[in-house]
Amino acid sequence: MTTQPNRIFTFGQRIVLAIVPRIVWALLWPLGLTWRFEVIHEDGAVPVLFGEKPGPGIYCFWHQCVLPCTVYFRASRAVILISKSFDGELITRILRMFGYEAVRGSSSRGGAEGLNGLRKVLDSGRTAIFTADGPRGPIYQTKMGPIKLASMTGAPIGAFHLEPERAWKINSWDEFLVPKPFTRICVSWANWTHVEAGTPNEQFEAKREELNAALERARKNAYNHLFKPPKDSR
């Protein structure tokens, strides 16, 4: 995993980077053991089950689902695109403790470098993951990164959502979810979005909208499964 050298951070930030990942791991690991995952999927969608190691492919989910996703996919050795910011470095170090790796970049900073790194990940037979609306939103609006990567590689894009039945919701742009102990978590899969290698740029927006619709179907199907009130996109 690539991390940024400590010298670019302030003394206080280095203290946070040294301590916080260990605290998060110590809290999240036992909490995650109490969660009960229930998988649903659209007709024709092939879900990745808990404990499975998916093959090469691009997977997308909404940023608010980071915590349950971290636990659910911890056996996958997937590689995640994470921004080069201090927050991104913190997330990178936390995810490393759960067996993930990271490519650094985002849709706004180091994007081309990040996509090239993920192309190498797919070429090696591993899985690439995007928080589709991260790192700064707006919520439930996917960025163009997954479409660009699919056009570079021809890899299909899987869309899924993890919705806890009971959770604390952080007052943040993504309405970040912290599932409560012993709650059910619906892992909802939508059908794949296919982007042919070499797809011209003028077709990217239509494919982005197709992926966005798949992610939203996955989210709303999870709400229905848990009999939760529907929540519209913004």
C-alpha atoms as a PDB file:
ATOM      1  CA  MET A   1       0.000   0.000   0.000  1.00  0.00           C
ATOM      2  CA  THR A   2       1.204   3.468  -0.817  1.00  0.00           C
ATOM      3  CA  THR A   3       1.217   6.012   1.986  1.00  0.00           C
ATOM      4  CA  GLN A   4       2.500   9.557   2.089  1.00  0.00           C
ATOM      5  CA  PRO A   5       5.706  10.256   4.039  1.00  0.00           C
ATOM      6  CA  ASN A   6       5.179  11.587   7.541  1.00  0.00           C
ATOM      7  CA  ARG A   7       7.248  14.726   6.846  1.00  0.00           C
ATOM      8  CA  ILE A   8       4.376  16.281   4.876  1.00  0.00           C
ATOM      9  CA  PHE A   9       2.122  16.205   7.944  1.00  0.00           C
ATOM     10  CA  THR A  10       2.134  18.406  11.018  1.00  0.00           C
ATOM     11  CA  PHE A  11       3.194  16.972  14.357  1.00  0.00           C
ATOM     12  CA  GLY A  12      -0.437  16.806  15.480  1.00  0.00           C
ATOM     13  CA  GLN A  13      -1.476  14.996  12.308  1.00  0.00           C
ATOM     14  CA  ARG A  14       1.293  12.443  12.771  1.00  0.00           C
ATOM     15  CA  ILE A  15       0.035  11.747  16.285  1.00  0.00           C
ATOM     16  CA  VAL A  16      -3.480  11.206  14.912  1.00  0.00           C
ATOM     17  CA  LEU A  17      -2.162   8.888  12.181  1.00  0.00           C
ATOM     18  CA  ALA A  18      -0.248   6.835  14.732  1.00  0.00           C
ATOM     19  CA  ILE A  19      -3.099   6.439  17.223  1.00  0.00           C
ATOM     20  CA  VAL A  20      -6.500   6.694  15.546  1.00  0.00           C
ATOM     21  CA  PRO A  21      -6.211   3.705  13.134  1.00  0.00           C
ATOM     22  CA  ARG A  22      -5.456   1.400  16.068  1.00  0.00           C
ATOM     23  CA  ILE A  23      -8.409   2.748  18.040  1.00  0.00           C
ATOM     24  CA  VAL A  24     -10.766   2.358  15.076  1.00  0.00           C
ATOM     25  CA  TRP A  25      -9.572  -1.205  14.467  1.00  0.00           C
ATOM     26  CA  ALA A  26      -9.978  -2.106  18.161  1.00  0.00           C
ATOM     27  CA  LEU A  27     -13.555  -0.787  18.144  1.00  0.00           C
ATOM     28  CA  LEU A  28     -14.710  -1.854  14.684  1.00  0.00           C
ATOM     29  CA  TRP A  29     -13.379  -5.410  14.683  1.00  0.00           C
ATOM     30  CA  PRO A  30     -15.458  -6.702  17.655  1.00  0.00           C
ATOM     31  CA  LEU A  31     -18.436  -4.548  16.615  1.00  0.00           C
ATOM     32  CA  GLY A  32     -18.363  -6.054  13.123  1.00  0.00           C
ATOM     33  CA  LEU A  33     -18.447  -9.565  14.546  1.00  0.00           C
ATOM     34  CA  THR A  34     -21.949  -8.848  15.867  1.00  0.00           C
ATOM     35  CA  TRP A  35     -23.411  -7.707  12.542  1.00  0.00           C
ATOM     36  CA  ARG A  36     -25.645 -10.078  10.551  1.00  0.00           C
ATOM     37  CA  PHE A  37     -25.393  -9.668   6.786  1.00  0.00           C
ATOM     38  CA  GLU A  38     -28.337 -10.550   4.541  1.00  0.00           C
ATOM     39  CA  VAL A  39     -27.693 -10.601   0.784  1.00  0.00           C
ATOM     40  CA  ILE A  40     -30.302  -9.720  -1.829  1.00  0.00           C
ATOM     41  CA  HIS A  41     -29.838  -9.097  -5.537  1.00  0.00           C
ATOM     42  CA  GLU A  42     -31.666  -8.187  -8.713  1.00  0.00           C
ATOM     43  CA  ASP A  43     -32.447 -10.914 -11.211  1.00  0.00           C
ATOM     44  CA  GLY A  44     -29.283 -11.611 -13.164  1.00  0.00           C
ATOM     45  CA  ALA A  45     -26.927  -9.977 -10.666  1.00  0.00           C
ATOM     46  CA  VAL A  46     -24.243 -12.221  -9.153  1.00  0.00           C
ATOM     47  CA  PRO A  47     -23.478 -11.075  -5.596  1.00  0.00           C
ATOM     48  CA  VAL A  48     -20.170 -11.388  -3.796  1.00  0.00           C
ATOM     49  CA  LEU A  49     -20.890 -13.275  -0.582  1.00  0.00           C
ATOM     50  CA  PHE A  50     -19.322 -12.615   2.806  1.00  0.00           C
ATOM     51  CA  GLY A  51     -15.831 -14.124   2.938  1.00  0.00           C
ATOM     52  CA  GLU A  52     -15.503 -14.552  -0.837  1.00  0.00           C
ATOM     53  CA  LYS A  53     -12.589 -13.152  -2.828  1.00  0.00           C
ATOM     54  CA  PRO A  54     -13.973 -11.550  -5.989  1.00  0.00           C
ATOM     55  CA  GLY A  55     -11.940 -11.605  -9.168  1.00  0.00           C
ATOM     56  CA  PRO A  56     -10.997  -8.674 -11.388  1.00  0.00           C
ATOM     57  CA  GLY A  57     -13.777  -6.148 -11.652  1.00  0.00           C
ATOM     58  CA  ILE A  58     -14.827  -2.675 -10.580  1.00  0.00           C
ATOM     59  CA  TYR A  59     -17.155  -2.352  -7.601  1.00  0.00           C
ATOM     60  CA  CYS A  60     -18.948   0.802  -6.455  1.00  0.00           C
ATOM     61  CA  PHE A  61     -20.897   1.813  -3.359  1.00  0.00           C
ATOM     62  CA  TRP A  62     -21.971   5.039  -1.657  1.00  0.00           C
ATOM     63  CA  HIS A  63     -19.524   6.682   0.741  1.00  0.00           C
ATOM     64  CA  GLN A  64     -21.892   6.383   3.723  1.00  0.00           C
ATOM     65  CA  CYS A  65     -21.416   2.589   3.694  1.00  0.00           C
ATOM     66  CA  VAL A  66     -17.648   2.564   4.340  1.00  0.00           C
ATOM     67  CA  LEU A  67     -17.802   0.898   7.776  1.00  0.00           C
ATOM     68  CA  PRO A  68     -20.039  -2.109   6.933  1.00  0.00           C
ATOM     69  CA  CYS A  69     -18.239  -2.474   3.596  1.00  0.00           C
ATOM     70  CA  THR A  70     -14.891  -2.629   5.401  1.00  0.00           C
ATOM     71  CA  VAL A  71     -16.102  -5.588   7.450  1.00  0.00           C
ATOM     72  CA  TYR A  72     -18.025  -7.367   4.694  1.00  0.00           C
ATOM     73  CA  PHE A  73     -15.167  -7.371   2.144  1.00  0.00           C
ATOM     74  CA  ARG A  74     -12.258  -7.802   4.543  1.00  0.00           C
ATOM     75  CA  ALA A  75     -11.273 -11.159   2.967  1.00  0.00           C
ATOM     76  CA  SER A  76     -11.236  -9.738  -0.558  1.00  0.00           C
ATOM     77  CA  ARG A  77      -7.798  -8.039  -0.571  1.00  0.00           C
ATOM     78  CA  ALA A  78      -9.460  -5.400  -2.724  1.00  0.00           C
ATOM     79  CA  VAL A  79      -7.753  -2.146  -3.652  1.00  0.00           C
ATOM     80  CA  ILE A  80      -9.604   1.118  -3.038  1.00  0.00           C
ATOM     81  CA  LEU A  81      -9.116   4.532  -4.632  1.00  0.00           C
ATOM     82  CA  ILE A  82      -8.520   7.032  -1.813  1.00  0.00           C
ATOM     83  CA  SER A  83      -7.728  10.735  -2.013  1.00  0.00           C
ATOM     84  CA  LYS A  84      -4.274  12.171  -1.293  1.00  0.00           C
ATOM     85  CA  SER A  85      -5.580  14.369   1.519  1.00  0.00           C
ATOM     86  CA  PHE A  86      -4.808  13.928   5.222  1.00  0.00           C
ATOM     87  CA  ASP A  87      -8.242  12.321   5.680  1.00  0.00           C
ATOM     88  CA  GLY A  88      -7.365   9.963   2.840  1.00  0.00           C
ATOM     89  CA  GLU A  89      -4.119   9.008   4.557  1.00  0.00           C
ATOM     90  CA  LEU A  90      -6.011   8.290   7.756  1.00  0.00           C
ATOM     91  CA  ILE A  91      -8.532   6.090   5.926  1.00  0.00           C
ATOM     92  CA  THR A  92      -5.701   4.325   4.092  1.00  0.00           C
ATOM     93  CA  ARG A  93      -4.000   3.361   7.337  1.00  0.00           C
ATOM     94  CA  ILE A  94      -7.249   2.139   8.865  1.00  0.00           C
ATOM     95  CA  LEU A  95      -8.094   0.010   5.835  1.00  0.00           C
ATOM     96  CA  ARG A  96      -4.610  -1.488   5.786  1.00  0.00           C
ATOM     97  CA  MET A  97      -5.327  -2.955   9.235  1.00  0.00           C
ATOM     98  CA  PHE A  98      -8.291  -4.797   7.704  1.00  0.00           C
ATOM     99  CA  GLY A  99      -6.260  -6.242   4.812  1.00  0.00           C
ATOM    100  CA  TYR A 100      -7.038  -3.698   2.098  1.00  0.00           C
ATOM    101  CA  GLU A 101      -4.656  -1.781  -0.102  1.00  0.00           C
ATOM    102  CA  ALA A 102      -5.050   1.678  -1.580  1.00  0.00           C
ATOM    103  CA  VAL A 103      -4.261   3.589  -4.724  1.00  0.00           C
ATOM    104  CA  ARG A 104      -3.981   7.287  -4.008  1.00  0.00           C
ATOM    105  CA  GLY A 105      -5.893   9.791  -6.100  1.00  0.00           C
ATOM    106  CA  SER A 106      -9.441  11.039  -6.637  1.00  0.00           C
ATOM    107  CA  SER A 107     -11.707  12.613  -9.179  1.00  0.00           C
ATOM    108  CA  SER A 108     -10.266  16.021  -8.297  1.00  0.00           C
ATOM    109  CA  ARG A 109      -6.689  15.384  -7.122  1.00  0.00           C
ATOM    110  CA  GLY A 110      -4.336  12.926  -8.783  1.00  0.00           C
ATOM    111  CA  GLY A 111      -7.154  11.370 -10.754  1.00  0.00           C
ATOM    112  CA  ALA A 112      -5.151  10.131 -13.740  1.00  0.00           C
ATOM    113  CA  GLU A 113      -2.491   8.659 -11.471  1.00  0.00           C
ATOM    114  CA  GLY A 114      -5.138   6.873  -9.414  1.00  0.00           C
ATOM    115  CA  LEU A 115      -6.886   5.408 -12.455  1.00  0.00           C
ATOM    116  CA  ASN A 116      -3.620   4.135 -13.894  1.00  0.00           C
ATOM    117  CA  GLY A 117      -2.874   2.493 -10.551  1.00  0.00           C
ATOM    118  CA  LEU A 118      -6.263   0.779 -10.545  1.00  0.00           C
ATOM    119  CA  ARG A 119      -5.760  -0.384 -14.131  1.00  0.00           C
ATOM    120  CA  LYS A 120      -2.654  -2.235 -12.933  1.00  0.00           C
ATOM    121  CA  VAL A 121      -4.728  -3.715 -10.106  1.00  0.00           C
ATOM    122  CA  LEU A 122      -7.253  -5.115 -12.592  1.00  0.00           C
ATOM    123  CA  ASP A 123      -4.476  -6.383 -14.859  1.00  0.00           C
ATOM    124  CA  SER A 124      -3.108  -8.355 -11.900  1.00  0.00           C
ATOM    125  CA  GLY A 125      -6.479 -10.098 -11.416  1.00  0.00           C
ATOM    126  CA  ARG A 126      -7.554  -8.186  -8.314  1.00  0.00           C
ATOM    127  CA  THR A 127     -10.598  -6.096  -7.457  1.00  0.00           C
ATOM    128  CA  ALA A 128     -10.866  -2.302  -7.630  1.00  0.00           C
ATOM    129  CA  ILE A 129     -13.368  -0.472  -5.420  1.00  0.00           C
ATOM    130  CA  PHE A 130     -14.720   3.089  -5.605  1.00  0.00           C
ATOM    131  CA  THR A 131     -16.765   5.084  -3.128  1.00  0.00           C
ATOM    132  CA  ALA A 132     -18.802   6.377  -6.030  1.00  0.00           C
ATOM    133  CA  ASP A 133     -19.820   9.736  -4.534  1.00  0.00           C
ATOM    134  CA  GLY A 134     -16.646  10.327  -2.500  1.00  0.00           C
ATOM    135  CA  PRO A 135     -14.673  11.944  -1.134  1.00  0.00           C
ATOM    136  CA  ARG A 136     -16.777  15.113  -0.861  1.00  0.00           C
ATOM    137  CA  GLY A 137     -20.081  14.389  -2.581  1.00  0.00           C
ATOM    138  CA  PRO A 138     -22.698  15.393  -3.381  1.00  0.00           C
ATOM    139  CA  ILE A 139     -24.393  12.411  -1.811  1.00  0.00           C
ATOM    140  CA  TYR A 140     -25.796   9.716  -4.142  1.00  0.00           C
ATOM    141  CA  GLN A 141     -24.132  11.208  -7.219  1.00  0.00           C
ATOM    142  CA  THR A 142     -21.448   8.994  -8.721  1.00  0.00           C
ATOM    143  CA  LYS A 143     -18.272  10.525 -10.091  1.00  0.00           C
ATOM    144  CA  MET A 144     -16.885   9.721 -13.528  1.00  0.00           C
ATOM    145  CA  GLY A 145     -13.907   7.688 -12.255  1.00  0.00           C
ATOM    146  CA  PRO A 146     -15.491   4.198 -12.487  1.00  0.00           C
ATOM    147  CA  ILE A 147     -16.653   4.889 -16.050  1.00  0.00           C
ATOM    148  CA  LYS A 148     -13.220   6.116 -17.116  1.00  0.00           C
ATOM    149  CA  LEU A 149     -11.549   3.051 -15.603  1.00  0.00           C
ATOM    150  CA  ALA A 150     -14.036   0.703 -17.277  1.00  0.00           C
ATOM    151  CA  SER A 151     -13.374   2.426 -20.610  1.00  0.00           C
ATOM    152  CA  MET A 152      -9.636   1.932 -20.088  1.00  0.00           C
ATOM    153  CA  THR A 153      -9.966  -1.765 -19.229  1.00  0.00           C
ATOM    154  CA  GLY A 154     -13.326  -3.122 -20.400  1.00  0.00           C
ATOM    155  CA  ALA A 155     -13.965  -4.392 -16.846  1.00  0.00           C
ATOM    156  CA  PRO A 156     -17.628  -4.558 -15.733  1.00  0.00           C
ATOM    157  CA  ILE A 157     -18.871  -2.363 -12.881  1.00  0.00           C
ATOM    158  CA  GLY A 158     -20.765  -3.895  -9.971  1.00  0.00           C
ATOM    159  CA  ALA A 159     -23.081  -1.736  -7.841  1.00  0.00           C
ATOM    160  CA  PHE A 160     -24.058  -2.598  -4.285  1.00  0.00           C
ATOM    161  CA  HIS A 161     -25.322  -0.981  -1.093  1.00  0.00           C
ATOM    162  CA  LEU A 162     -25.065  -1.985   2.567  1.00  0.00           C
ATOM    163  CA  GLU A 163     -27.986  -0.696   4.628  1.00  0.00           C
ATOM    164  CA  PRO A 164     -28.107  -1.333   8.388  1.00  0.00           C
ATOM    165  CA  GLU A 165     -31.479  -1.925   9.991  1.00  0.00           C
ATOM    166  CA  ARG A 166     -30.320   0.142  12.976  1.00  0.00           C
ATOM    167  CA  ALA A 167     -27.477   2.658  12.826  1.00  0.00           C
ATOM    168  CA  TRP A 168     -26.141   5.904  14.162  1.00  0.00           C
ATOM    169  CA  LYS A 169     -26.047   8.543  11.424  1.00  0.00           C
ATOM    170  CA  ILE A 170     -23.231  11.102  11.478  1.00  0.00           C
ATOM    171  CA  ASN A 171     -24.096  14.703  10.616  1.00  0.00           C
ATOM    172  CA  SER A 172     -21.851  14.822   7.547  1.00  0.00           C
ATOM    173  CA  TRP A 173     -22.282  15.389   3.812  1.00  0.00           C
ATOM    174  CA  ASP A 174     -22.642  11.630   3.218  1.00  0.00           C
ATOM    175  CA  GLU A 175     -24.853  10.898   6.262  1.00  0.00           C
ATOM    176  CA  PHE A 176     -22.183   8.400   7.339  1.00  0.00           C
ATOM    177  CA  LEU A 177     -23.624   5.208   8.841  1.00  0.00           C
ATOM    178  CA  VAL A 178     -22.324   3.466  11.970  1.00  0.00           C
ATOM    179  CA  PRO A 179     -24.297   0.215  12.322  1.00  0.00           C
ATOM    180  CA  LYS A 180     -25.377  -0.577  15.861  1.00  0.00           C
ATOM    181  CA  PRO A 181     -24.320  -3.814  17.601  1.00  0.00           C
ATOM    182  CA  PHE A 182     -26.174  -6.980  16.538  1.00  0.00           C
ATOM    183  CA  THR A 183     -28.077  -5.236  13.771  1.00  0.00           C
ATOM    184  CA  ARG A 184     -29.019  -6.771  10.439  1.00  0.00           C
ATOM    185  CA  ILE A 185     -27.279  -5.289   7.409  1.00  0.00           C
ATOM    186  CA  CYS A 186     -28.811  -5.762   3.984  1.00  0.00           C
ATOM    187  CA  VAL A 187     -26.199  -6.208   1.251  1.00  0.00           C
ATOM    188  CA  SER A 188     -28.096  -5.305  -1.905  1.00  0.00           C
ATOM    189  CA  TRP A 189     -26.706  -5.918  -5.400  1.00  0.00           C
ATOM    190  CA  ALA A 190     -27.860  -4.367  -8.667  1.00  0.00           C
ATOM    191  CA  ASN A 191     -27.072  -5.559 -12.168  1.00  0.00           C
ATOM    192  CA  TRP A 192     -23.689  -4.791 -13.669  1.00  0.00           C
ATOM    193  CA  THR A 193     -22.962  -1.728 -15.769  1.00  0.00           C
ATOM    194  CA  HIS A 194     -20.953  -2.586 -18.889  1.00  0.00           C
ATOM    195  CA  VAL A 195     -18.669  -0.082 -20.584  1.00  0.00           C
ATOM    196  CA  GLU A 196     -16.740  -1.335 -23.595  1.00  0.00           C
ATOM    197  CA  ALA A 197     -13.017  -0.663 -23.715  1.00  0.00           C
ATOM    198  CA  GLY A 198     -12.363   2.437 -25.764  1.00  0.00           C
ATOM    199  CA  THR A 199     -15.842   3.906 -25.288  1.00  0.00           C
ATOM    200  CA  PRO A 200     -15.695   7.525 -26.548  1.00  0.00           C
ATOM    201  CA  ASN A 201     -15.851  10.349 -23.996  1.00  0.00           C
ATOM    202  CA  GLU A 202     -19.168  11.638 -25.285  1.00  0.00           C
ATOM    203  CA  GLN A 203     -20.833   8.407 -24.100  1.00  0.00           C
ATOM    204  CA  PHE A 204     -19.421   8.611 -20.569  1.00  0.00           C
ATOM    205  CA  GLU A 205     -22.272  10.661 -19.097  1.00  0.00           C
ATOM    206  CA  ALA A 206     -24.933   8.192 -20.239  1.00  0.00           C
ATOM    207  CA  LYS A 207     -22.959   5.346 -18.659  1.00  0.00           C
ATOM    208  CA  ARG A 208     -22.443   7.373 -15.480  1.00  0.00           C
ATOM    209  CA  GLU A 209     -26.207   7.851 -15.240  1.00  0.00           C
ATOM    210  CA  GLU A 210     -26.726   4.119 -15.799  1.00  0.00           C
ATOM    211  CA  LEU A 211     -24.335   3.307 -12.952  1.00  0.00           C
ATOM    212  CA  ASN A 212     -25.939   5.930 -10.717  1.00  0.00           C
ATOM    213  CA  ALA A 213     -29.348   4.373 -11.347  1.00  0.00           C
ATOM    214  CA  ALA A 214     -27.994   0.905 -10.461  1.00  0.00           C
ATOM    215  CA  LEU A 215     -26.541   2.176  -7.176  1.00  0.00           C
ATOM    216  CA  GLU A 216     -29.819   3.852  -6.301  1.00  0.00           C
ATOM    217  CA  ARG A 217     -31.813   0.712  -7.114  1.00  0.00           C
ATOM    218  CA  ALA A 218     -29.509  -1.257  -4.826  1.00  0.00           C
ATOM    219  CA  ARG A 219     -30.025   1.256  -2.038  1.00  0.00           C
ATOM    220  CA  LYS A 220     -33.791   1.424  -2.395  1.00  0.00           C
ATOM    221  CA  ASN A 221     -34.096  -2.363  -2.670  1.00  0.00           C
ATOM    222  CA  ALA A 222     -32.244  -2.586   0.644  1.00  0.00           C
ATOM    223  CA  TYR A 223     -34.687  -0.127   2.210  1.00  0.00           C
ATOM    224  CA  ASN A 224     -37.597  -2.219   0.969  1.00  0.00           C
ATOM    225  CA  HIS A 225     -36.026  -5.431   2.279  1.00  0.00           C
ATOM    226  CA  LEU A 226     -35.696  -3.921   5.754  1.00  0.00           C
ATOM    227  CA  PHE A 227     -39.151  -2.275   5.603  1.00  0.00           C
ATOM    228  CA  LYS A 228     -37.546   1.117   6.147  1.00  0.00           C
ATOM    229  CA  PRO A 229     -39.194   4.327   4.874  1.00  0.00           C
ATOM    230  CA  PRO A 230     -37.912   5.185   1.409  1.00  0.00           C
ATOM    231  CA  LYS A 231     -35.389   8.018   1.134  1.00  0.00           C
ATOM    232  CA  ASP A 232     -35.191   9.860  -2.169  1.00  0.00           C
ATOM    233  CA  SER A 233     -32.002  10.923  -3.911  1.00  0.00           C
ATOM    234  CA  ARG A 234     -30.956  14.532  -3.716  1.00  0.00           C
END
